[in-house]
Protein backbone atom coordinates (compact mmCIF):
# COMPACT_ATOMS: atom_id res chain seq x y z
CA MET A 1 -4.46 22.67 -38.45
CA SER A 2 -8.14 22.59 -39.24
CA LYS A 3 -10.53 24.76 -37.66
CA ALA A 4 -11.65 22.17 -35.12
CA GLN A 5 -8.25 21.14 -34.17
CA ASN A 6 -7.13 24.83 -33.56
CA ILE A 7 -10.16 25.04 -31.42
CA ALA A 8 -9.51 21.88 -29.43
CA ALA A 9 -6.01 23.26 -29.07
CA SER A 10 -6.96 26.45 -27.90
CA ARG A 11 -8.85 24.88 -25.10
CA ALA A 12 -6.26 22.59 -23.92
CA LYS A 13 -3.79 25.53 -23.66
CA GLU A 14 -6.84 27.10 -21.57
CA PHE A 15 -7.20 23.91 -19.18
CA GLN A 16 -3.01 24.13 -19.13
CA CYS A 17 -3.20 27.39 -17.68
CA SER A 18 -5.74 26.42 -15.22
CA TRP A 19 -3.88 23.59 -14.14
CA TYR A 20 -0.19 24.84 -14.44
CA GLY A 21 -0.60 28.70 -14.25
CA GLU A 22 0.19 29.15 -17.86
CA SER A 23 0.35 27.06 -21.28
CA LEU A 24 3.13 24.38 -21.49
CA GLY A 25 4.24 25.89 -24.49
CA SER A 26 5.04 29.26 -22.81
CA LEU A 27 6.65 27.35 -19.79
CA PHE A 28 8.74 24.90 -21.69
CA ARG A 29 9.80 27.87 -24.14
CA ARG A 30 11.11 29.88 -21.10
CA LEU A 31 12.91 26.68 -19.44
CA ILE A 32 14.73 26.23 -22.80
CA ASP A 33 15.53 29.68 -22.85
CA ASP A 34 16.42 30.44 -19.21
CA LEU A 35 18.40 27.41 -18.70
CA GLY A 36 20.39 27.54 -21.81
CA LEU A 37 19.04 23.98 -23.30
CA LYS A 38 19.02 25.32 -26.53
CA ARG A 39 16.88 22.59 -28.20
CA GLN A 40 13.43 20.77 -27.46
CA ALA A 41 15.18 17.63 -27.61
CA ARG A 42 17.53 18.46 -24.49
CA LEU A 43 14.34 19.90 -22.56
CA ALA A 44 12.39 16.46 -23.37
CA ALA A 45 15.32 14.06 -22.52
CA THR A 46 15.66 15.99 -19.13
CA LEU A 47 12.06 15.55 -18.31
CA GLY A 48 12.20 11.62 -19.21
CA ILE A 49 9.42 12.23 -22.17
CA SER A 50 9.75 11.70 -26.06
CA GLU A 51 10.41 14.74 -28.26
CA ALA A 52 6.78 14.00 -29.91
CA MET A 53 5.28 14.26 -26.22
CA LEU A 54 6.90 17.38 -25.60
CA SER A 55 5.84 19.08 -28.74
CA GLN A 56 2.19 17.74 -28.46
CA LEU A 57 2.07 19.09 -24.76
CA MET A 58 3.48 22.69 -26.28
CA SER A 59 1.08 22.64 -29.06
CA GLY A 60 -1.83 22.23 -27.05
CA ARG A 61 -2.45 18.49 -28.86
CA ARG A 62 -2.00 17.09 -25.56
CA THR A 63 -3.41 18.63 -22.43
CA LYS A 64 -2.06 17.35 -19.23
CA ILE A 65 1.08 15.63 -17.82
CA GLY A 66 0.32 12.44 -16.44
CA SER A 67 3.50 11.53 -14.60
CA PRO A 68 4.09 13.02 -11.00
CA VAL A 69 7.95 12.30 -11.74
CA VAL A 70 7.91 14.71 -14.98
CA ILE A 71 5.74 17.21 -12.83
CA GLN A 72 8.33 17.09 -10.40
CA ARG A 73 11.16 17.54 -12.74
CA ILE A 74 9.47 20.36 -14.35
CA GLN A 75 9.07 22.14 -10.85
CA ALA A 76 12.80 21.53 -9.92
CA LEU A 77 13.67 23.07 -13.38
CA GLN A 78 11.78 26.05 -12.57
CA GLU A 79 13.30 26.53 -9.39
CA LEU A 80 16.52 25.92 -10.94
CA ALA A 81 15.89 28.47 -13.46
CA GLN A 82 15.08 30.83 -10.75
CA GLN A 83 18.22 30.54 -8.69
CA LEU A 84 20.43 31.17 -12.09
CA ALA A 85 18.13 34.14 -13.02
CA ASP A 86 18.60 35.32 -9.03
CA GLY A 87 22.81 34.58 -9.41
CA GLY A 88 22.27 31.82 -6.88
CA ILE A 89 24.35 29.73 -8.93
CA SER A 90 26.42 29.69 -12.03
CA ALA A 91 25.84 28.37 -15.35
CA THR A 92 27.99 25.60 -14.60
CA GLU A 93 26.20 24.60 -11.62
CA ALA A 94 23.33 24.85 -13.15
CA THR A 95 24.32 22.37 -16.15
CA ILE A 96 25.34 20.02 -13.20
CA GLN A 97 22.02 20.43 -11.64
CA ILE A 98 20.13 19.71 -14.62
CA ALA A 99 22.05 16.33 -15.13
CA ARG A 100 20.71 15.74 -11.54
CA VAL A 101 17.03 16.51 -12.38
CA ARG A 102 17.42 14.16 -15.43
CA LYS A 103 18.42 11.21 -13.09
CA TYR A 104 15.59 11.90 -10.58
CA GLU A 105 13.33 9.14 -10.17
CA GLY A 106 10.83 11.17 -7.95
CA THR A 107 9.84 10.94 -4.12
CA SER A 108 6.20 10.86 -2.76
CA VAL A 109 7.06 10.18 0.83
CA LEU A 110 9.55 11.77 3.42
CA ASN A 111 11.75 9.23 5.33
CA PRO A 112 10.13 9.02 8.74
CA GLY A 113 12.70 9.14 11.53
CA SER A 114 15.22 10.86 9.64
CA GLN A 115 16.56 14.30 8.70
CA ASN A 116 14.99 15.39 5.82
CA THR A 117 16.58 18.24 3.44
CA VAL A 118 14.90 21.30 2.41
CA LEU A 119 14.62 19.81 -1.28
CA GLU A 120 12.77 16.50 0.22
CA ILE A 121 10.34 18.68 1.93
CA ARG A 122 10.05 21.21 -1.01
CA GLN A 123 9.00 17.88 -3.09
CA VAL A 124 6.45 16.89 -0.54
CA VAL A 125 4.95 20.54 -0.42
CA ARG A 126 5.22 20.29 -4.56
CA GLU A 127 3.01 17.21 -4.49
CA ILE A 128 0.36 18.93 -1.94
CA GLN A 129 0.32 22.01 -4.02
CA SER A 130 0.08 19.72 -7.41
CA LEU A 131 -2.96 17.65 -5.77
CA LEU A 132 -4.57 20.78 -4.25
CA LEU A 133 -4.38 22.54 -7.88
CA SER A 134 -5.75 19.50 -9.67
CA ILE A 135 -8.95 19.35 -7.72
CA ALA A 136 -9.66 23.33 -7.70
CA THR A 137 -8.36 26.60 -9.22
CA ALA A 138 -6.20 28.91 -7.23
CA GLY A 139 -9.48 31.13 -6.98
CA GLU A 140 -11.60 28.53 -5.41
CA ILE A 141 -8.70 27.19 -3.14
CA VAL A 142 -8.67 31.01 -1.60
CA ALA A 143 -12.33 31.33 -1.44
CA ALA A 144 -12.53 27.97 0.24
CA ALA A 145 -9.78 29.38 2.94
CA GLU A 146 -11.84 32.56 3.32
CA LEU A 147 -15.19 30.57 4.28
CA LEU A 148 -12.83 28.31 6.48
CA SER A 149 -11.09 30.80 8.52
CA PRO A 150 -13.55 31.68 11.20
CA ALA A 151 -14.38 28.61 12.49
CA HIS A 152 -11.15 26.80 11.35
CA PRO A 153 -8.23 29.20 11.15
CA LYS A 154 -5.25 26.63 10.89
CA LEU A 155 -7.23 24.33 8.62
CA ALA A 156 -8.03 27.60 6.26
CA GLU A 157 -3.87 28.46 6.50
CA PHE A 158 -3.11 24.95 5.57
CA ILE A 159 -5.29 25.03 2.31
CA ARG A 160 -4.06 28.81 1.37
CA ILE A 161 -0.18 27.96 2.12
CA TYR A 162 -0.07 24.90 0.33
CA GLY A 163 -2.73 25.80 -2.62
CA VAL A 164 -1.57 29.01 -3.74
CA GLU A 165 1.47 30.42 -2.17
CA ASP A 166 5.29 29.57 -2.93
CA ALA A 167 6.76 26.37 -2.00
CA ALA A 168 9.20 28.44 0.27
CA ASP A 169 6.10 29.43 2.29
CA GLY A 170 5.12 25.55 2.44
CA VAL A 171 8.49 24.45 3.56
CA ASP A 172 8.46 27.23 6.45
CA HIS A 173 4.95 26.04 7.50
CA TYR A 174 6.09 22.22 7.36
CA GLU A 175 9.14 22.92 9.43
CA SER A 176 7.43 25.14 11.84
CA HIS A 177 4.70 22.21 12.43
CA THR A 178 7.41 19.18 12.53
CA ASN A 179 10.10 20.56 14.61
């Protein structure tokens, strides 16, 4: 790589860190290791992207993931990796879940009038989090919530929970306001 390409890749990784919390190279390597995928090709197939695209995202030649479905699949794999690390599921169950993630086509709206699963609610929470983090950094979200808090505490709570807290907190918040 030329010096200009190295600078561009470094800048892209900085953007990735601000958008996704870490560089996609680090994130993808951790998912491969934690889930026992062994090769980048398996992760690419699970995410539904080409190996070339995965490589470009990991190296910083590409900065952003444009597909909401791919982002949702990444989030599902992160949660799966955490469950596996916590002992909540076995390696065999993780393999079954990885296959389900691969088939997942995405969702953006909860089914009105039906009993929504925690997974469906979590997906909506993740979409709200992704939207907020696409327009502001975590620090900006916290600062905005602090500014709103005195006059609009419930709105500040919403922005803080969906902007910077765990998906589980968002699910709890969602459920407490829909029941």
